[in-house]
N, C-alpha and C. Protein backbone atom coordinates (compact mmCIF):
# COMPACT_ATOMS: atom_id res chain seq x y z
N MET A 1 0.85 -1.16 0.00
CA MET A 1 0.00 0.00 0.00
C MET A 1 0.90 1.23 0.00
N LYS A 2 0.58 2.21 -0.83
CA LYS A 2 1.40 3.39 -0.93
C LYS A 2 0.55 4.62 -0.66
N ILE A 3 0.85 5.32 0.40
CA ILE A 3 0.14 6.54 0.76
C ILE A 3 1.18 7.66 0.83
N PRO A 4 1.23 8.53 -0.17
CA PRO A 4 2.34 9.48 -0.25
C PRO A 4 2.16 10.81 0.46
N PHE A 5 1.16 10.99 1.31
CA PHE A 5 0.94 12.29 1.91
C PHE A 5 0.60 12.14 3.38
N GLN A 6 0.78 13.20 4.11
CA GLN A 6 0.64 13.23 5.57
C GLN A 6 -0.59 12.48 6.09
N PHE A 7 -1.76 12.74 5.56
CA PHE A 7 -2.96 12.08 6.06
C PHE A 7 -3.46 11.01 5.11
N GLY A 8 -2.57 10.53 4.25
CA GLY A 8 -2.92 9.42 3.39
C GLY A 8 -3.55 9.80 2.07
N MET A 9 -3.68 11.08 1.78
CA MET A 9 -4.34 11.44 0.54
C MET A 9 -3.71 12.68 -0.07
N VAL A 10 -3.55 12.63 -1.37
CA VAL A 10 -3.05 13.77 -2.13
C VAL A 10 -4.10 14.09 -3.18
N PRO A 11 -4.63 15.31 -3.22
CA PRO A 11 -5.65 15.61 -4.22
C PRO A 11 -5.06 15.61 -5.62
N LEU A 12 -5.83 15.07 -6.57
CA LEU A 12 -5.45 15.07 -7.98
C LEU A 12 -6.40 16.01 -8.71
N TRP A 13 -5.89 17.03 -9.32
CA TRP A 13 -6.70 17.94 -10.11
C TRP A 13 -6.24 17.84 -11.55
N PHE A 14 -7.16 17.82 -12.46
CA PHE A 14 -6.83 17.72 -13.86
C PHE A 14 -7.39 18.93 -14.58
N ALA A 15 -6.56 19.58 -15.38
CA ALA A 15 -6.99 20.69 -16.20
C ALA A 15 -6.47 20.46 -17.60
N SER A 16 -7.18 20.94 -18.58
CA SER A 16 -6.74 20.75 -19.96
C SER A 16 -6.97 22.01 -20.76
N GLU A 17 -6.27 22.09 -21.89
CA GLU A 17 -6.45 23.23 -22.78
C GLU A 17 -7.85 23.22 -23.37
N ALA A 18 -8.41 22.02 -23.61
CA ALA A 18 -9.74 21.90 -24.21
C ALA A 18 -10.82 22.52 -23.33
N THR A 19 -10.61 22.56 -22.04
CA THR A 19 -11.61 23.13 -21.14
C THR A 19 -11.19 24.52 -20.65
N GLY A 20 -10.18 25.09 -21.30
CA GLY A 20 -9.72 26.41 -20.89
C GLY A 20 -9.04 26.41 -19.54
N GLY A 21 -8.47 25.27 -19.15
CA GLY A 21 -7.79 25.18 -17.87
C GLY A 21 -8.71 24.86 -16.70
N ARG A 22 -10.03 24.70 -16.98
CA ARG A 22 -10.97 24.36 -15.90
C ARG A 22 -10.74 22.93 -15.46
N ARG A 23 -11.12 22.62 -14.25
CA ARG A 23 -11.03 21.26 -13.72
C ARG A 23 -12.09 20.40 -14.39
N GLU A 24 -11.70 19.19 -14.81
CA GLU A 24 -12.60 18.31 -15.52
C GLU A 24 -13.36 17.36 -14.59
N ARG A 25 -12.91 17.17 -13.39
CA ARG A 25 -13.51 16.22 -12.47
C ARG A 25 -14.63 16.88 -11.67
N ARG A 26 -15.69 16.10 -11.39
CA ARG A 26 -16.77 16.61 -10.55
C ARG A 26 -16.36 16.68 -9.10
N PHE A 27 -15.51 15.71 -8.67
CA PHE A 27 -15.07 15.63 -7.28
C PHE A 27 -13.55 15.60 -7.23
N CYS A 28 -13.00 16.06 -6.12
CA CYS A 28 -11.57 15.99 -5.89
C CYS A 28 -11.18 14.53 -5.70
N ARG A 29 -10.17 14.08 -6.42
CA ARG A 29 -9.68 12.70 -6.29
C ARG A 29 -8.45 12.68 -5.41
N PHE A 30 -8.29 11.57 -4.70
CA PHE A 30 -7.15 11.41 -3.80
C PHE A 30 -6.39 10.14 -4.16
N VAL A 31 -5.07 10.24 -4.16
CA VAL A 31 -4.23 9.07 -4.38
C VAL A 31 -4.38 8.15 -3.18
N LEU A 32 -4.72 6.91 -3.42
CA LEU A 32 -4.85 5.92 -2.38
C LEU A 32 -4.59 4.57 -3.03
N GLU A 33 -3.49 3.96 -2.72
CA GLU A 33 -3.13 2.68 -3.33
C GLU A 33 -3.35 1.57 -2.33
N CYS A 34 -4.36 0.72 -2.59
CA CYS A 34 -4.68 -0.37 -1.68
C CYS A 34 -5.44 -1.46 -2.44
N PRO A 35 -5.43 -2.68 -1.91
CA PRO A 35 -6.11 -3.78 -2.61
C PRO A 35 -7.63 -3.69 -2.50
N ALA A 36 -8.27 -4.26 -3.52
CA ALA A 36 -9.73 -4.31 -3.54
C ALA A 36 -10.16 -5.62 -4.21
N LEU A 37 -11.30 -6.10 -3.79
CA LEU A 37 -11.92 -7.25 -4.43
C LEU A 37 -13.22 -6.76 -5.05
N MET A 38 -13.34 -6.90 -6.37
CA MET A 38 -14.55 -6.51 -7.08
C MET A 38 -15.27 -7.77 -7.54
N LYS A 39 -16.59 -7.77 -7.43
CA LYS A 39 -17.40 -8.92 -7.84
C LYS A 39 -18.50 -8.45 -8.77
N TYR A 40 -18.79 -9.32 -9.76
CA TYR A 40 -19.92 -9.04 -10.64
C TYR A 40 -20.52 -10.34 -11.12
N GLN A 41 -21.78 -10.26 -11.58
CA GLN A 41 -22.52 -11.43 -12.04
C GLN A 41 -22.51 -11.51 -13.56
N THR A 42 -22.34 -12.73 -14.07
CA THR A 42 -22.48 -12.99 -15.49
C THR A 42 -22.97 -14.42 -15.67
N ASP A 43 -24.03 -14.61 -16.40
CA ASP A 43 -24.58 -15.94 -16.67
C ASP A 43 -24.72 -16.78 -15.40
N ASN A 44 -25.35 -16.25 -14.38
CA ASN A 44 -25.58 -16.96 -13.11
C ASN A 44 -24.29 -17.35 -12.39
N THR A 45 -23.19 -16.69 -12.70
CA THR A 45 -21.90 -16.95 -12.07
C THR A 45 -21.37 -15.65 -11.48
N THR A 46 -20.80 -15.75 -10.29
CA THR A 46 -20.16 -14.59 -9.69
C THR A 46 -18.68 -14.62 -10.03
N ILE A 47 -18.18 -13.54 -10.58
CA ILE A 47 -16.78 -13.41 -10.95
C ILE A 47 -16.09 -12.53 -9.92
N ASP A 48 -14.98 -13.01 -9.34
CA ASP A 48 -14.16 -12.23 -8.40
C ASP A 48 -12.95 -11.69 -9.15
N VAL A 49 -12.69 -10.40 -8.99
CA VAL A 49 -11.56 -9.76 -9.65
C VAL A 49 -10.73 -9.02 -8.60
N GLN A 50 -9.47 -9.40 -8.49
CA GLN A 50 -8.54 -8.69 -7.60
C GLN A 50 -8.06 -7.43 -8.31
N ALA A 51 -7.97 -6.33 -7.60
CA ALA A 51 -7.56 -5.06 -8.19
C ALA A 51 -6.77 -4.25 -7.17
N ILE A 52 -6.14 -3.21 -7.65
CA ILE A 52 -5.47 -2.23 -6.80
C ILE A 52 -6.12 -0.88 -7.06
N ILE A 53 -6.65 -0.28 -6.01
CA ILE A 53 -7.22 1.06 -6.13
C ILE A 53 -6.06 2.03 -6.38
N ARG A 54 -6.21 2.92 -7.34
CA ARG A 54 -5.18 3.92 -7.65
C ARG A 54 -5.54 5.30 -7.10
N ASN A 55 -6.82 5.65 -7.23
CA ASN A 55 -7.29 6.90 -6.64
C ASN A 55 -8.77 6.79 -6.37
N VAL A 56 -9.24 7.63 -5.47
CA VAL A 56 -10.62 7.52 -5.01
C VAL A 56 -11.20 8.92 -4.80
N CYS A 57 -12.51 9.03 -4.94
CA CYS A 57 -13.21 10.28 -4.62
C CYS A 57 -14.56 9.90 -4.04
N ILE A 58 -15.32 10.90 -3.68
CA ILE A 58 -16.62 10.64 -3.07
C ILE A 58 -17.56 9.93 -4.04
N GLY A 59 -17.33 10.08 -5.34
CA GLY A 59 -18.23 9.49 -6.33
C GLY A 59 -17.74 8.21 -6.96
N GLY A 60 -16.53 7.74 -6.62
CA GLY A 60 -16.05 6.50 -7.22
C GLY A 60 -14.55 6.34 -7.08
N PHE A 61 -13.98 5.48 -7.93
CA PHE A 61 -12.55 5.23 -7.86
C PHE A 61 -12.02 4.71 -9.19
N LEU A 62 -10.70 4.71 -9.30
CA LEU A 62 -10.02 4.12 -10.43
C LEU A 62 -9.18 2.98 -9.90
N ALA A 63 -9.34 1.81 -10.51
CA ALA A 63 -8.61 0.62 -10.08
C ALA A 63 -7.82 0.06 -11.26
N LYS A 64 -6.77 -0.68 -10.93
CA LYS A 64 -5.99 -1.38 -11.94
C LYS A 64 -6.13 -2.87 -11.69
N SER A 65 -6.35 -3.63 -12.77
CA SER A 65 -6.54 -5.07 -12.65
C SER A 65 -5.99 -5.78 -13.87
N ALA A 66 -5.60 -7.02 -13.68
CA ALA A 66 -5.16 -7.85 -14.81
C ALA A 66 -6.36 -8.35 -15.60
N VAL A 67 -7.56 -8.24 -15.01
CA VAL A 67 -8.78 -8.75 -15.63
C VAL A 67 -9.65 -7.57 -16.05
N MET A 68 -10.19 -7.64 -17.27
CA MET A 68 -11.07 -6.60 -17.76
C MET A 68 -12.50 -6.87 -17.28
N ILE A 69 -13.16 -5.84 -16.79
CA ILE A 69 -14.58 -5.90 -16.45
C ILE A 69 -15.29 -5.02 -17.47
N PRO A 70 -16.31 -5.53 -18.17
CA PRO A 70 -16.97 -4.74 -19.21
C PRO A 70 -17.62 -3.47 -18.67
N GLU A 71 -17.63 -2.44 -19.52
CA GLU A 71 -18.33 -1.19 -19.17
C GLU A 71 -19.79 -1.49 -18.89
N HIS A 72 -20.40 -0.68 -18.04
CA HIS A 72 -21.82 -0.75 -17.66
C HIS A 72 -22.14 -1.97 -16.79
N THR A 73 -21.11 -2.67 -16.31
CA THR A 73 -21.31 -3.80 -15.42
C THR A 73 -21.47 -3.29 -14.00
N THR A 74 -22.46 -3.81 -13.28
CA THR A 74 -22.63 -3.50 -11.87
C THR A 74 -21.65 -4.35 -11.07
N VAL A 75 -20.90 -3.70 -10.19
CA VAL A 75 -19.93 -4.40 -9.36
C VAL A 75 -20.17 -4.07 -7.89
N THR A 76 -19.89 -5.05 -7.03
CA THR A 76 -19.78 -4.76 -5.60
C THR A 76 -18.29 -4.85 -5.30
N PHE A 77 -17.86 -4.13 -4.30
CA PHE A 77 -16.42 -4.12 -4.03
C PHE A 77 -16.16 -4.01 -2.54
N THR A 78 -15.00 -4.56 -2.16
CA THR A 78 -14.49 -4.43 -0.81
C THR A 78 -13.08 -3.90 -0.92
N ILE A 79 -12.82 -2.78 -0.27
CA ILE A 79 -11.50 -2.15 -0.26
C ILE A 79 -10.86 -2.44 1.09
N SER A 80 -9.61 -2.82 1.05
CA SER A 80 -8.89 -3.19 2.27
C SER A 80 -7.83 -2.14 2.60
N LEU A 81 -7.97 -1.50 3.75
CA LEU A 81 -6.99 -0.52 4.22
C LEU A 81 -6.20 -1.16 5.37
N LYS A 82 -4.92 -1.37 5.16
CA LYS A 82 -4.08 -2.03 6.16
C LYS A 82 -2.76 -1.28 6.27
N GLY A 83 -1.95 -1.72 7.23
CA GLY A 83 -0.57 -1.22 7.35
C GLY A 83 -0.48 0.19 7.88
N ASP A 84 0.22 1.05 7.15
CA ASP A 84 0.48 2.42 7.60
C ASP A 84 -0.78 3.27 7.71
N VAL A 85 -1.82 2.90 6.99
CA VAL A 85 -3.04 3.71 6.97
C VAL A 85 -3.85 3.56 8.25
N ALA A 86 -3.83 2.37 8.83
CA ALA A 86 -4.68 2.10 9.99
C ALA A 86 -3.97 1.19 10.98
N ALA A 87 -4.30 1.34 12.26
CA ALA A 87 -3.71 0.49 13.29
C ALA A 87 -4.19 -0.95 13.16
N ARG A 88 -5.40 -1.13 12.69
CA ARG A 88 -5.94 -2.46 12.42
C ARG A 88 -6.58 -2.39 11.03
N PRO A 89 -6.74 -3.53 10.39
CA PRO A 89 -7.35 -3.51 9.05
C PRO A 89 -8.76 -2.90 9.07
N ILE A 90 -9.03 -2.11 8.06
CA ILE A 90 -10.35 -1.51 7.87
C ILE A 90 -10.85 -1.96 6.51
N TYR A 91 -12.08 -2.41 6.45
CA TYR A 91 -12.65 -2.87 5.20
C TYR A 91 -13.84 -1.99 4.84
N LEU A 92 -13.84 -1.51 3.61
CA LEU A 92 -14.90 -0.66 3.11
C LEU A 92 -15.64 -1.40 2.00
N ARG A 93 -16.94 -1.23 1.94
CA ARG A 93 -17.75 -1.94 0.95
C ARG A 93 -18.64 -0.95 0.23
N GLY A 94 -18.89 -1.25 -1.04
CA GLY A 94 -19.78 -0.41 -1.82
C GLY A 94 -20.26 -1.10 -3.08
N GLU A 95 -21.03 -0.37 -3.86
CA GLU A 95 -21.56 -0.88 -5.12
C GLU A 95 -21.50 0.23 -6.14
N GLY A 96 -21.23 -0.14 -7.37
CA GLY A 96 -21.16 0.86 -8.42
C GLY A 96 -21.26 0.26 -9.79
N GLU A 97 -21.03 1.10 -10.78
CA GLU A 97 -21.07 0.70 -12.18
C GLU A 97 -19.75 1.04 -12.85
N VAL A 98 -19.25 0.12 -13.64
CA VAL A 98 -18.04 0.38 -14.42
C VAL A 98 -18.41 1.38 -15.51
N VAL A 99 -17.77 2.55 -15.49
CA VAL A 99 -18.11 3.60 -16.45
C VAL A 99 -17.02 3.80 -17.50
N ARG A 100 -15.84 3.23 -17.26
CA ARG A 100 -14.76 3.35 -18.25
C ARG A 100 -13.75 2.23 -18.04
N VAL A 101 -13.27 1.65 -19.14
CA VAL A 101 -12.23 0.63 -19.09
C VAL A 101 -11.19 0.99 -20.15
N GLU A 102 -9.94 1.04 -19.74
CA GLU A 102 -8.86 1.35 -20.68
C GLU A 102 -7.76 0.32 -20.55
N LYS A 103 -7.23 -0.12 -21.66
CA LYS A 103 -6.08 -1.03 -21.67
C LYS A 103 -4.87 -0.24 -21.22
N SER A 104 -4.11 -0.81 -20.30
CA SER A 104 -2.91 -0.14 -19.79
C SER A 104 -1.84 -0.11 -20.87
N GLN A 105 -1.16 1.02 -20.98
CA GLN A 105 -0.06 1.14 -21.93
C GLN A 105 1.25 0.68 -21.29
N GLU A 106 1.23 0.49 -19.98
CA GLU A 106 2.43 0.07 -19.25
C GLU A 106 2.59 -1.44 -19.21
N ASP A 107 1.48 -2.18 -19.13
CA ASP A 107 1.53 -3.64 -19.01
C ASP A 107 0.26 -4.25 -19.59
N ALA A 108 0.00 -5.50 -19.28
CA ALA A 108 -1.17 -6.20 -19.82
C ALA A 108 -2.44 -5.94 -19.02
N GLY A 109 -2.42 -5.01 -18.08
CA GLY A 109 -3.57 -4.76 -17.22
C GLY A 109 -4.57 -3.80 -17.81
N PHE A 110 -5.57 -3.48 -16.98
CA PHE A 110 -6.65 -2.58 -17.36
C PHE A 110 -6.88 -1.54 -16.27
N ALA A 111 -7.20 -0.33 -16.67
CA ALA A 111 -7.65 0.70 -15.74
C ALA A 111 -9.18 0.67 -15.79
N ILE A 112 -9.79 0.54 -14.61
CA ILE A 112 -11.25 0.40 -14.52
C ILE A 112 -11.80 1.51 -13.64
N ALA A 113 -12.63 2.38 -14.22
CA ALA A 113 -13.25 3.46 -13.47
C ALA A 113 -14.64 3.02 -13.02
N VAL A 114 -14.91 3.16 -11.72
CA VAL A 114 -16.19 2.75 -11.14
C VAL A 114 -16.86 3.98 -10.52
N GLU A 115 -18.12 4.19 -10.89
CA GLU A 115 -18.93 5.24 -10.28
C GLU A 115 -19.81 4.60 -9.22
N CYS A 116 -19.74 5.10 -7.99
CA CYS A 116 -20.50 4.51 -6.89
C CYS A 116 -21.98 4.81 -7.02
N ARG A 117 -22.80 3.79 -6.78
CA ARG A 117 -24.26 3.95 -6.77
C ARG A 117 -24.78 4.20 -5.37
N ILE A 118 -24.13 3.57 -4.40
CA ILE A 118 -24.50 3.75 -3.01
C ILE A 118 -23.25 4.17 -2.25
N PRO A 119 -23.38 4.87 -1.15
CA PRO A 119 -22.20 5.31 -0.41
C PRO A 119 -21.34 4.15 0.07
N ILE A 120 -20.06 4.37 0.09
CA ILE A 120 -19.12 3.38 0.62
C ILE A 120 -19.30 3.34 2.13
N THR A 121 -19.40 2.13 2.69
CA THR A 121 -19.58 1.98 4.12
C THR A 121 -18.47 1.10 4.70
N GLN A 122 -18.24 1.25 5.98
CA GLN A 122 -17.23 0.45 6.65
C GLN A 122 -17.86 -0.84 7.17
N LEU A 123 -17.17 -1.96 6.93
CA LEU A 123 -17.60 -3.25 7.48
C LEU A 123 -17.02 -3.42 8.86
N ASP A 124 -17.74 -4.08 9.74
CA ASP A 124 -17.21 -4.37 11.08
C ASP A 124 -16.09 -5.40 11.02
N ALA A 125 -16.23 -6.38 10.14
CA ALA A 125 -15.21 -7.43 9.98
C ALA A 125 -15.31 -7.96 8.57
N TYR A 126 -14.26 -8.58 8.10
CA TYR A 126 -14.26 -9.17 6.77
C TYR A 126 -14.01 -10.66 6.93
N PRO A 127 -14.90 -11.52 6.43
CA PRO A 127 -14.83 -12.95 6.73
C PRO A 127 -13.66 -13.71 6.14
N ARG A 128 -13.06 -13.25 5.06
CA ARG A 128 -11.93 -13.98 4.49
C ARG A 128 -10.83 -13.03 4.09
N ALA A 129 -9.60 -13.50 4.10
CA ALA A 129 -8.45 -12.66 3.77
C ALA A 129 -8.48 -12.28 2.31
N MET A 130 -7.99 -11.09 2.02
CA MET A 130 -7.93 -10.62 0.63
C MET A 130 -6.58 -10.92 0.05
């Protein structure tokens, strides 16, 4: 897990010439690198996908995974905060929709953008190790 700032978050702002230098994001994003388990249904089967969260905001997150999840797929997810971020493991759970998938130019992985449908909540305990 990599947290490069004093309280674990560094805001990411994006501006472009196309928007006249205005910020393109609806919400401030924060760098937060931690493991996540994403699940989705296909043909009466639940698919588990291991991922690494790259950044997060109040409306969703960007994750990197070796497995592609199709756009418009509903996913449930569990984010695991351990180590330097917390004295004990903290597990967060939520649900959202995959709104963008891009093939990584660095490796064989995928960048997966998820927009949250319901607020992310903290779990009291997580039944199995991630």
